[in-house]
Amino acid sequence: MTDHALKSSTEDDAHASEHHHPSPEFHRLLDRLERFSGVIFILVVLLNFASATGRYVAGTPIMGADEVQVFTMIWLIFLGAAMAALRRMHLRMDVLTMNLSPRWAWWRHLAEALLTMNVCAVMVWVSSDFTYQIYGMEQKSDAAEIPMWIPHISVVVGFTGMLLCSLIELKALLQQRVRNHFTS
């Protein structure tokens, strides 16, 4: 391989993740969703405070507040996981791979994308099936009578978001490999 081709290949490998960065409009949408999630979190904290105040001051807590708090937090966690994946801000073991050659780094990225894709696909499948079963039983929470499929579908939504991110990553890696193959 010539020095130019090697340098070009190395630069492409180093910037593999840059080929699928979401647009500025998409980042603005994520920013809005994060702010909305923050407002929801603040409201949950206020609900918790109001319920605790009612419990200890008036002797009457807000019925169902604990369930609403837990279910809302579950939604925020799974939405946050999907948003972190979309922004490529999830935890990574980069310290182990920082010094890999571009070729080995590409293979490591490919293995990571395939593993993530498979784990997320299994989680979407299993959680979808479970959510459908809960929906069919028409099960509701004890105090707030929230249909139980609502908190359970948060798992489906979160892992679907992460699955889509891994598919985007896989597509970008394969496109990079094809480009590098034809430019070598």
C-alpha atoms as a PDB file:
ATOM      1  CA  MET A   1       0.000   0.000   0.000  1.00  0.00           C
ATOM      2  CA  THR A   2       1.367   3.436  -0.827  1.00  0.00           C
ATOM      3  CA  ASP A   3       2.046   6.042   1.843  1.00  0.00           C
ATOM      4  CA  HIS A   4      -0.829   8.141   0.495  1.00  0.00           C
ATOM      5  CA  ALA A   5      -3.249   5.204   0.561  1.00  0.00           C
ATOM      6  CA  LEU A   6      -2.068   4.212   4.046  1.00  0.00           C
ATOM      7  CA  LYS A   7      -2.497   7.779   5.307  1.00  0.00           C
ATOM      8  CA  SER A   8      -5.926   8.069   3.666  1.00  0.00           C
ATOM      9  CA  SER A   9      -6.988   4.714   5.126  1.00  0.00           C
ATOM     10  CA  THR A  10      -5.737   5.725   8.564  1.00  0.00           C
ATOM     11  CA  GLU A  11      -7.594   9.029   8.416  1.00  0.00           C
ATOM     12  CA  ASP A  12     -10.779   7.256   7.323  1.00  0.00           C
ATOM     13  CA  ASP A  13     -10.429   4.743  10.167  1.00  0.00           C
ATOM     14  CA  ALA A  14      -9.778   7.498  12.684  1.00  0.00           C
ATOM     15  CA  HIS A  15     -12.908   9.327  11.576  1.00  0.00           C
ATOM     16  CA  ALA A  16     -15.164   6.304  11.120  1.00  0.00           C
ATOM     17  CA  SER A  17     -17.680   7.480  13.662  1.00  0.00           C
ATOM     18  CA  GLU A  18     -17.885  10.917  12.053  1.00  0.00           C
ATOM     19  CA  HIS A  19     -19.606   9.584   8.927  1.00  0.00           C
ATOM     20  CA  HIS A  20     -22.914   9.124  10.704  1.00  0.00           C
ATOM     21  CA  HIS A  21     -23.162  12.123  13.000  1.00  0.00           C
ATOM     22  CA  PRO A  22     -26.730  13.298  13.223  1.00  0.00           C
ATOM     23  CA  SER A  23     -27.606  16.627  11.656  1.00  0.00           C
ATOM     24  CA  PRO A  24     -27.705  19.857  13.687  1.00  0.00           C
ATOM     25  CA  GLU A  25     -31.508  19.701  13.517  1.00  0.00           C
ATOM     26  CA  PHE A  26     -31.423  16.247  15.061  1.00  0.00           C
ATOM     27  CA  HIS A  27     -29.135  17.513  17.850  1.00  0.00           C
ATOM     28  CA  ARG A  28     -31.594  20.342  18.502  1.00  0.00           C
ATOM     29  CA  LEU A  29     -34.409  17.786  18.755  1.00  0.00           C
ATOM     30  CA  LEU A  30     -32.345  15.759  21.222  1.00  0.00           C
ATOM     31  CA  ASP A  31     -31.592  18.940  23.193  1.00  0.00           C
ATOM     32  CA  ARG A  32     -35.317  19.674  23.431  1.00  0.00           C
ATOM     33  CA  LEU A  33     -36.060  16.107  24.479  1.00  0.00           C
ATOM     34  CA  GLU A  34     -33.359  16.329  27.162  1.00  0.00           C
ATOM     35  CA  ARG A  35     -34.782  19.610  28.475  1.00  0.00           C
ATOM     36  CA  PHE A  36     -38.283  18.112  28.464  1.00  0.00           C
ATOM     37  CA  SER A  37     -36.936  15.095  30.369  1.00  0.00           C
ATOM     38  CA  GLY A  38     -35.340  17.467  32.875  1.00  0.00           C
ATOM     39  CA  VAL A  39     -38.673  19.249  33.414  1.00  0.00           C
ATOM     40  CA  ILE A  40     -40.400  15.893  33.895  1.00  0.00           C
ATOM     41  CA  PHE A  41     -37.731  14.916  36.440  1.00  0.00           C
ATOM     42  CA  ILE A  42     -38.283  18.169  38.352  1.00  0.00           C
ATOM     43  CA  LEU A  43     -42.037  17.525  38.353  1.00  0.00           C
ATOM     44  CA  VAL A  44     -41.435  14.021  39.734  1.00  0.00           C
ATOM     45  CA  VAL A  45     -39.292  15.491  42.522  1.00  0.00           C
ATOM     46  CA  LEU A  46     -42.052  18.014  43.306  1.00  0.00           C
ATOM     47  CA  LEU A  47     -44.622  15.201  43.334  1.00  0.00           C
ATOM     48  CA  ASN A  48     -42.406  13.286  45.755  1.00  0.00           C
ATOM     49  CA  PHE A  49     -42.083  16.378  47.976  1.00  0.00           C
ATOM     50  CA  ALA A  50     -45.837  17.021  47.895  1.00  0.00           C
ATOM     51  CA  SER A  51     -46.627  13.413  48.743  1.00  0.00           C
ATOM     52  CA  ALA A  52     -44.088  13.340  51.598  1.00  0.00           C
ATOM     53  CA  THR A  53     -45.405  16.645  52.910  1.00  0.00           C
ATOM     54  CA  GLY A  54     -48.954  15.321  52.769  1.00  0.00           C
ATOM     55  CA  ARG A  55     -47.912  12.122  54.513  1.00  0.00           C
ATOM     56  CA  TYR A  56     -46.014  13.755  57.389  1.00  0.00           C
ATOM     57  CA  VAL A  57     -47.923  17.024  57.796  1.00  0.00           C
ATOM     58  CA  ALA A  58     -51.531  16.103  57.032  1.00  0.00           C
ATOM     59  CA  GLY A  59     -51.311  12.339  57.424  1.00  0.00           C
ATOM     60  CA  THR A  60     -52.583  11.784  53.876  1.00  0.00           C
ATOM     61  CA  PRO A  61     -50.079  11.067  51.112  1.00  0.00           C
ATOM     62  CA  ILE A  62     -50.973  11.459  47.449  1.00  0.00           C
ATOM     63  CA  MET A  63     -52.323   8.052  46.456  1.00  0.00           C
ATOM     64  CA  GLY A  64     -50.391   6.511  43.596  1.00  0.00           C
ATOM     65  CA  ALA A  65     -47.608   9.108  43.713  1.00  0.00           C
ATOM     66  CA  ASP A  66     -44.951   6.470  44.402  1.00  0.00           C
ATOM     67  CA  GLU A  67     -46.029   4.451  41.371  1.00  0.00           C
ATOM     68  CA  VAL A  68     -46.069   7.511  39.129  1.00  0.00           C
ATOM     69  CA  GLN A  69     -42.581   8.432  40.353  1.00  0.00           C
ATOM     70  CA  VAL A  70     -41.127   4.965  39.752  1.00  0.00           C
ATOM     71  CA  PHE A  71     -42.726   4.536  36.335  1.00  0.00           C
ATOM     72  CA  THR A  72     -41.648   8.005  35.219  1.00  0.00           C
ATOM     73  CA  MET A  73     -38.077   7.340  36.330  1.00  0.00           C
ATOM     74  CA  ILE A  74     -38.060   4.075  34.384  1.00  0.00           C
ATOM     75  CA  TRP A  75     -39.134   5.961  31.255  1.00  0.00           C
ATOM     76  CA  LEU A  76     -36.495   8.640  31.812  1.00  0.00           C
ATOM     77  CA  ILE A  77     -33.774   6.011  32.262  1.00  0.00           C
ATOM     78  CA  PHE A  78     -34.573   4.155  29.045  1.00  0.00           C
ATOM     79  CA  LEU A  79     -35.073   7.337  27.023  1.00  0.00           C
ATOM     80  CA  GLY A  80     -31.791   8.639  28.441  1.00  0.00           C
ATOM     81  CA  ALA A  81     -29.993   5.452  27.414  1.00  0.00           C
ATOM     82  CA  ALA A  82     -31.273   5.808  23.855  1.00  0.00           C
ATOM     83  CA  MET A  83     -30.316   9.500  23.762  1.00  0.00           C
ATOM     84  CA  ALA A  84     -26.827   8.708  25.078  1.00  0.00           C
ATOM     85  CA  ALA A  85     -26.435   6.115  22.336  1.00  0.00           C
ATOM     86  CA  LEU A  86     -27.630   8.595  19.704  1.00  0.00           C
ATOM     87  CA  ARG A  87     -25.025  11.102  20.894  1.00  0.00           C
ATOM     88  CA  ARG A  88     -22.361   8.377  21.229  1.00  0.00           C
ATOM     89  CA  MET A  89     -21.971   9.305  24.889  1.00  0.00           C
ATOM     90  CA  HIS A  90     -22.468   5.835  26.343  1.00  0.00           C
ATOM     91  CA  LEU A  91     -19.676   4.238  28.363  1.00  0.00           C
ATOM     92  CA  ARG A  92     -16.817   2.853  26.309  1.00  0.00           C
ATOM     93  CA  MET A  93     -13.599   1.075  27.131  1.00  0.00           C
ATOM     94  CA  ASP A  94     -11.508   3.371  24.929  1.00  0.00           C
ATOM     95  CA  VAL A  95      -8.468   3.135  27.189  1.00  0.00           C
ATOM     96  CA  LEU A  96      -8.036  -0.441  25.979  1.00  0.00           C
ATOM     97  CA  THR A  97      -8.302   0.445  22.306  1.00  0.00           C
ATOM     98  CA  MET A  98      -6.747   3.902  21.982  1.00  0.00           C
ATOM     99  CA  ASN A  99      -3.476   2.509  20.677  1.00  0.00           C
ATOM    100  CA  LEU A 100      -4.885  -0.072  18.283  1.00  0.00           C
ATOM    101  CA  SER A 101      -3.876   0.206  14.673  1.00  0.00           C
ATOM    102  CA  PRO A 102      -6.637   1.572  12.436  1.00  0.00           C
ATOM    103  CA  ARG A 103      -7.304  -1.905  11.042  1.00  0.00           C
ATOM    104  CA  TRP A 104      -7.685  -3.481  14.503  1.00  0.00           C
ATOM    105  CA  ALA A 105      -9.714  -0.509  15.702  1.00  0.00           C
ATOM    106  CA  TRP A 106     -12.115  -1.067  12.794  1.00  0.00           C
ATOM    107  CA  TRP A 107     -12.543  -4.726  13.751  1.00  0.00           C
ATOM    108  CA  ARG A 108     -13.111  -3.767  17.378  1.00  0.00           C
ATOM    109  CA  HIS A 109     -15.768  -1.228  16.332  1.00  0.00           C
ATOM    110  CA  LEU A 110     -17.406  -3.863  14.131  1.00  0.00           C
ATOM    111  CA  ALA A 111     -17.487  -6.428  16.957  1.00  0.00           C
ATOM    112  CA  GLU A 112     -18.924  -3.810  19.315  1.00  0.00           C
ATOM    113  CA  ALA A 113     -21.625  -2.807  16.833  1.00  0.00           C
ATOM    114  CA  LEU A 114     -22.599  -6.434  16.142  1.00  0.00           C
ATOM    115  CA  LEU A 115     -22.679  -7.346  19.828  1.00  0.00           C
ATOM    116  CA  THR A 116     -24.711  -4.246  20.697  1.00  0.00           C
ATOM    117  CA  MET A 117     -27.086  -4.879  17.806  1.00  0.00           C
ATOM    118  CA  ASN A 118     -27.692  -8.472  18.871  1.00  0.00           C
ATOM    119  CA  VAL A 119     -28.165  -7.702  22.574  1.00  0.00           C
ATOM    120  CA  CYS A 120     -30.550  -4.842  21.789  1.00  0.00           C
ATOM    121  CA  ALA A 121     -32.499  -6.934  19.272  1.00  0.00           C
ATOM    122  CA  VAL A 122     -32.981  -9.700  21.853  1.00  0.00           C
ATOM    123  CA  MET A 123     -34.070  -7.147  24.457  1.00  0.00           C
ATOM    124  CA  VAL A 124     -36.562  -5.554  22.030  1.00  0.00           C
ATOM    125  CA  TRP A 125     -37.986  -8.970  21.169  1.00  0.00           C
ATOM    126  CA  VAL A 126     -38.260 -10.212  24.765  1.00  0.00           C
ATOM    127  CA  SER A 127     -39.572  -6.939  26.194  1.00  0.00           C
ATOM    128  CA  SER A 128     -42.074  -6.538  23.326  1.00  0.00           C
ATOM    129  CA  ASP A 129     -43.432 -10.017  23.960  1.00  0.00           C
ATOM    130  CA  PHE A 130     -43.687  -9.368  27.703  1.00  0.00           C
ATOM    131  CA  THR A 131     -45.326  -5.967  27.170  1.00  0.00           C
ATOM    132  CA  TYR A 132     -47.861  -7.544  24.819  1.00  0.00           C
ATOM    133  CA  GLN A 133     -48.679 -10.184  27.444  1.00  0.00           C
ATOM    134  CA  ILE A 134     -49.156  -7.509  30.120  1.00  0.00           C
ATOM    135  CA  TYR A 135     -51.329  -5.516  27.723  1.00  0.00           C
ATOM    136  CA  GLY A 136     -53.470  -8.595  27.033  1.00  0.00           C
ATOM    137  CA  MET A 137     -53.991  -9.218  30.748  1.00  0.00           C
ATOM    138  CA  GLU A 138     -55.095  -5.595  31.217  1.00  0.00           C
ATOM    139  CA  GLN A 139     -53.018  -5.472  34.387  1.00  0.00           C
ATOM    140  CA  LYS A 140     -52.973  -2.137  36.263  1.00  0.00           C
ATOM    141  CA  SER A 141     -50.862  -0.774  39.090  1.00  0.00           C
ATOM    142  CA  ASP A 142     -52.345  -1.034  42.561  1.00  0.00           C
ATOM    143  CA  ALA A 143     -52.742   2.577  43.664  1.00  0.00           C
ATOM    144  CA  ALA A 144     -52.689   4.768  40.539  1.00  0.00           C
ATOM    145  CA  GLU A 145     -54.299   2.122  38.313  1.00  0.00           C
ATOM    146  CA  ILE A 146     -51.819   2.830  35.522  1.00  0.00           C
ATOM    147  CA  PRO A 147     -51.955   0.189  32.787  1.00  0.00           C
ATOM    148  CA  MET A 148     -48.776  -1.821  33.375  1.00  0.00           C
ATOM    149  CA  TRP A 149     -47.932  -2.013  29.690  1.00  0.00           C
ATOM    150  CA  ILE A 150     -47.065   1.721  29.840  1.00  0.00           C
ATOM    151  CA  PRO A 151     -44.002   1.383  32.080  1.00  0.00           C
ATOM    152  CA  HIS A 152     -43.002  -1.884  30.399  1.00  0.00           C
ATOM    153  CA  ILE A 153     -43.022  -0.436  26.899  1.00  0.00           C
ATOM    154  CA  SER A 154     -40.292   1.988  27.993  1.00  0.00           C
ATOM    155  CA  VAL A 155     -37.855  -0.928  27.758  1.00  0.00           C
ATOM    156  CA  VAL A 156     -38.960  -1.561  24.167  1.00  0.00           C
ATOM    157  CA  VAL A 157     -38.579   2.121  23.264  1.00  0.00           C
ATOM    158  CA  GLY A 158     -35.153   2.485  24.881  1.00  0.00           C
ATOM    159  CA  PHE A 159     -33.659  -0.660  23.380  1.00  0.00           C
ATOM    160  CA  THR A 160     -35.194   0.116  19.980  1.00  0.00           C
ATOM    161  CA  GLY A 161     -33.374   3.455  20.043  1.00  0.00           C
ATOM    162  CA  MET A 162     -30.103   1.734  20.959  1.00  0.00           C
ATOM    163  CA  LEU A 163     -30.695  -0.911  18.277  1.00  0.00           C
ATOM    164  CA  LEU A 164     -31.166   1.773  15.629  1.00  0.00           C
ATOM    165  CA  CYS A 165     -27.917   3.413  16.754  1.00  0.00           C
ATOM    166  CA  SER A 166     -26.020   0.138  16.436  1.00  0.00           C
ATOM    167  CA  LEU A 167     -27.479  -0.382  12.949  1.00  0.00           C
ATOM    168  CA  ILE A 168     -26.359   3.128  11.944  1.00  0.00           C
ATOM    169  CA  GLU A 169     -22.899   2.368  13.349  1.00  0.00           C
ATOM    170  CA  LEU A 170     -22.744  -0.941  11.480  1.00  0.00           C
ATOM    171  CA  LYS A 171     -23.782   0.713   8.216  1.00  0.00           C
ATOM    172  CA  ALA A 172     -21.126   3.422   8.626  1.00  0.00           C
ATOM    173  CA  LEU A 173     -18.425   0.853   9.389  1.00  0.00           C
ATOM    174  CA  LEU A 174     -19.309  -1.260   6.355  1.00  0.00           C
ATOM    175  CA  GLN A 175     -19.440   1.799   4.087  1.00  0.00           C
ATOM    176  CA  GLN A 176     -16.039   2.840   5.401  1.00  0.00           C
ATOM    177  CA  ARG A 177     -14.637  -0.631   4.675  1.00  0.00           C
ATOM    178  CA  VAL A 178     -15.978  -0.530   1.108  1.00  0.00           C
ATOM    179  CA  ARG A 179     -14.505   2.957   0.553  1.00  0.00           C
ATOM    180  CA  ASN A 180     -11.145   1.869   1.942  1.00  0.00           C
ATOM    181  CA  HIS A 181     -11.151  -1.270  -0.188  1.00  0.00           C
ATOM    182  CA  PHE A 182     -11.686   0.663  -3.404  1.00  0.00           C
ATOM    183  CA  THR A 183      -9.194   3.422  -2.547  1.00  0.00           C
ATOM    184  CA  SER A 184      -6.384   1.016  -1.587  1.00  0.00           C
END
